[in-house]
Amino acid sequence: MTALFRRIAWCLLISLSTLGLCGSSQATDKEVWLTSACYTLRLSVWDKLDNKPFTAKYTVTSKGGRVFSVERTATDYNSSEVAFPNDFKEERLGIAASLNCFEGDRYDWTIHANGVLRDKGFIEFRRKRVVVGRE
C-alpha cells in the first residue's frame, strides 16, 4: 500500500508541476504587455451672441457608409458638446457607434443647429497619423 501511495503522490506532483501549480523551477519573471490606442472626436456648436436654447444634431459618416448621429438640446455653450464615438448611435440599427482603431478610416462630420448646417469637415484616423480638414 505504501508503494502505491508513493506512486500516486509522485504522479500527482509531476502533474501539478507541469501545470505550474506547484513551485516550478521554470517560473518566469517575464512581463507581457498589451496596449490600446484609439481616438475620440469632440464636436460642439454654440451661438456666441445669444444664450437661447437650441437643438444641435451631429452626424458622422464612415467611408464605408455607416451613419452615426446624436442630438442635444443645448442651454449654454458647454451643453452641446459631444464625443464620437462615445455619444453616438448608428442611425440604421440604433447600436452604439464604434471606430476602426486598428486599420483606421475616414469620417465625414456635419453639425446642424436648429436644422441649419453650421459646419462640416472630415477626420481621417490612421495607425501612424491623423488627418483633419474642412471641406
Protein backbone atom coordinates (compact mmCIF):
# COMPACT_ATOMS: atom_id res chain seq x y z
CA MET A 1 0.00 0.00 0.00
CA THR A 2 2.84 2.37 0.76
CA ALA A 3 4.39 1.84 -2.68
CA LEU A 4 1.04 2.55 -4.32
CA PHE A 5 0.61 5.69 -2.23
CA ARG A 6 4.13 6.91 -3.19
CA ARG A 7 3.43 6.24 -6.86
CA ILE A 8 0.12 8.25 -6.73
CA ALA A 9 1.82 11.08 -4.83
CA TRP A 10 4.69 11.12 -7.37
CA CYS A 11 2.25 11.22 -10.33
CA LEU A 12 0.27 13.98 -8.65
CA LEU A 13 3.43 16.02 -8.03
CA ILE A 14 4.53 15.64 -11.66
CA SER A 15 1.08 16.64 -12.89
CA LEU A 16 0.94 19.73 -10.68
CA SER A 17 4.43 20.88 -11.62
CA THR A 18 3.73 20.59 -15.35
CA LEU A 19 0.58 22.68 -14.88
CA GLY A 20 2.58 25.28 -12.98
CA LEU A 21 0.57 24.78 -9.81
CA CYS A 22 3.49 23.53 -7.81
CA GLY A 23 6.63 25.63 -7.32
CA SER A 24 8.12 25.04 -10.75
CA SER A 25 11.77 25.69 -11.45
CA GLN A 26 10.69 27.13 -14.82
CA ALA A 27 8.81 30.06 -13.27
CA THR A 28 9.44 33.22 -15.26
CA ASP A 29 9.64 36.87 -14.32
CA LYS A 30 8.94 37.85 -17.91
CA GLU A 31 6.24 40.52 -18.32
CA VAL A 32 3.66 40.54 -21.09
CA TRP A 33 2.26 43.95 -22.04
CA LEU A 34 -0.80 44.82 -24.11
CA THR A 35 -1.55 48.32 -25.35
CA SER A 36 -4.62 50.00 -26.72
CA ALA A 37 -4.84 53.21 -28.72
CA CYS A 38 -7.88 54.79 -30.27
CA TYR A 39 -9.25 58.22 -31.00
CA THR A 40 -12.10 60.42 -29.83
CA LEU A 41 -13.51 63.29 -31.88
CA ARG A 42 -15.10 66.12 -29.86
CA LEU A 43 -17.65 68.34 -31.60
CA SER A 44 -19.63 71.31 -30.32
CA VAL A 45 -21.62 74.30 -31.56
CA TRP A 46 -22.93 77.42 -29.85
CA ASP A 47 -24.32 80.84 -30.68
CA LYS A 48 -21.77 83.40 -29.49
CA LEU A 49 -24.30 86.24 -29.35
CA ASP A 50 -27.33 84.54 -27.83
CA ASN A 51 -27.89 82.12 -24.95
CA LYS A 52 -31.29 80.80 -26.05
CA PRO A 53 -31.71 77.01 -26.01
CA PHE A 54 -31.27 75.29 -29.38
CA THR A 55 -31.19 71.80 -30.85
CA ALA A 56 -27.88 70.55 -32.19
CA LYS A 57 -27.61 67.48 -34.43
CA TYR A 58 -24.25 65.92 -35.13
CA THR A 59 -23.77 63.36 -37.90
CA VAL A 60 -20.66 61.31 -38.63
CA THR A 61 -20.44 59.10 -41.73
CA SER A 62 -17.71 56.49 -42.22
CA LYS A 63 -16.02 55.86 -45.55
CA GLY A 64 -17.97 52.60 -45.69
CA GLY A 65 -21.32 54.45 -45.48
CA ARG A 66 -22.23 53.83 -41.84
CA VAL A 67 -24.09 56.87 -40.45
CA PHE A 68 -23.89 57.77 -36.77
CA SER A 69 -25.74 60.65 -35.12
CA VAL A 70 -26.68 62.29 -31.84
CA GLU A 71 -28.95 65.21 -30.91
CA ARG A 72 -28.56 67.57 -27.98
CA THR A 73 -30.82 70.31 -26.68
CA ALA A 74 -28.31 72.91 -25.62
CA THR A 75 -28.96 75.52 -22.95
CA ASP A 76 -25.46 77.01 -22.98
CA TYR A 77 -22.26 76.61 -24.96
CA ASN A 78 -20.99 73.65 -22.90
CA SER A 79 -24.13 71.52 -23.05
CA SER A 80 -23.89 70.99 -26.81
CA GLU A 81 -20.50 69.23 -26.76
CA VAL A 82 -20.42 65.58 -27.87
CA ALA A 83 -17.70 62.96 -28.31
CA PHE A 84 -17.53 60.50 -31.19
CA PRO A 85 -17.93 57.52 -30.85
CA ASN A 86 -18.97 57.62 -27.15
CA ASP A 87 -22.20 59.66 -27.53
CA PHE A 88 -23.28 58.46 -30.99
CA LYS A 89 -25.57 55.68 -32.23
CA GLU A 90 -25.73 54.14 -35.67
CA GLU A 91 -28.85 55.58 -37.32
CA ARG A 92 -29.97 52.42 -39.13
CA LEU A 93 -29.54 49.90 -36.31
CA GLY A 94 -29.61 52.10 -33.22
CA ILE A 95 -26.47 50.48 -31.80
CA ALA A 96 -23.53 52.26 -30.21
CA ALA A 97 -21.02 53.81 -32.61
CA SER A 98 -17.53 52.40 -32.96
CA LEU A 99 -14.26 53.30 -34.61
CA ASN A 100 -11.98 51.11 -36.66
CA CYS A 101 -8.99 51.70 -34.39
CA PHE A 102 -6.81 49.01 -35.91
CA GLU A 103 -6.95 49.91 -39.60
CA GLY A 104 -8.23 53.48 -39.40
CA ASP A 105 -10.90 55.11 -41.54
CA ARG A 106 -12.14 58.45 -42.85
CA TYR A 107 -15.14 60.03 -41.13
CA ASP A 108 -17.10 62.97 -42.58
CA TRP A 109 -18.94 65.05 -39.98
CA THR A 110 -21.67 67.70 -40.04
CA ILE A 111 -23.09 69.96 -37.35
CA HIS A 112 -26.64 71.33 -37.59
CA ALA A 113 -28.14 73.83 -35.14
CA ASN A 114 -31.92 74.33 -35.27
CA GLY A 115 -31.97 72.48 -38.61
CA VAL A 116 -29.35 74.69 -40.32
CA LEU A 117 -25.95 73.33 -41.39
CA ARG A 118 -23.36 75.23 -39.34
CA ASP A 119 -20.15 73.35 -40.09
CA LYS A 120 -18.78 70.26 -41.80
CA GLY A 121 -15.47 68.56 -42.28
CA PHE A 122 -13.67 65.25 -42.06
CA ILE A 123 -11.16 63.45 -39.95
CA GLU A 124 -9.10 60.51 -41.08
CA PHE A 125 -7.68 58.18 -38.47
CA ARG A 126 -4.68 56.10 -39.43
CA ARG A 127 -2.46 53.99 -37.26
CA LYS A 128 0.51 56.31 -37.82
CA ARG A 129 -1.14 59.73 -38.18
CA VAL A 130 -4.36 61.72 -38.05
CA VAL A 131 -5.54 63.98 -40.88
CA VAL A 132 -8.05 66.73 -40.10
CA GLY A 133 -9.70 69.02 -42.64
CA ARG A 134 -12.64 71.21 -43.51
CA GLU A 135 -14.45 70.93 -46.81
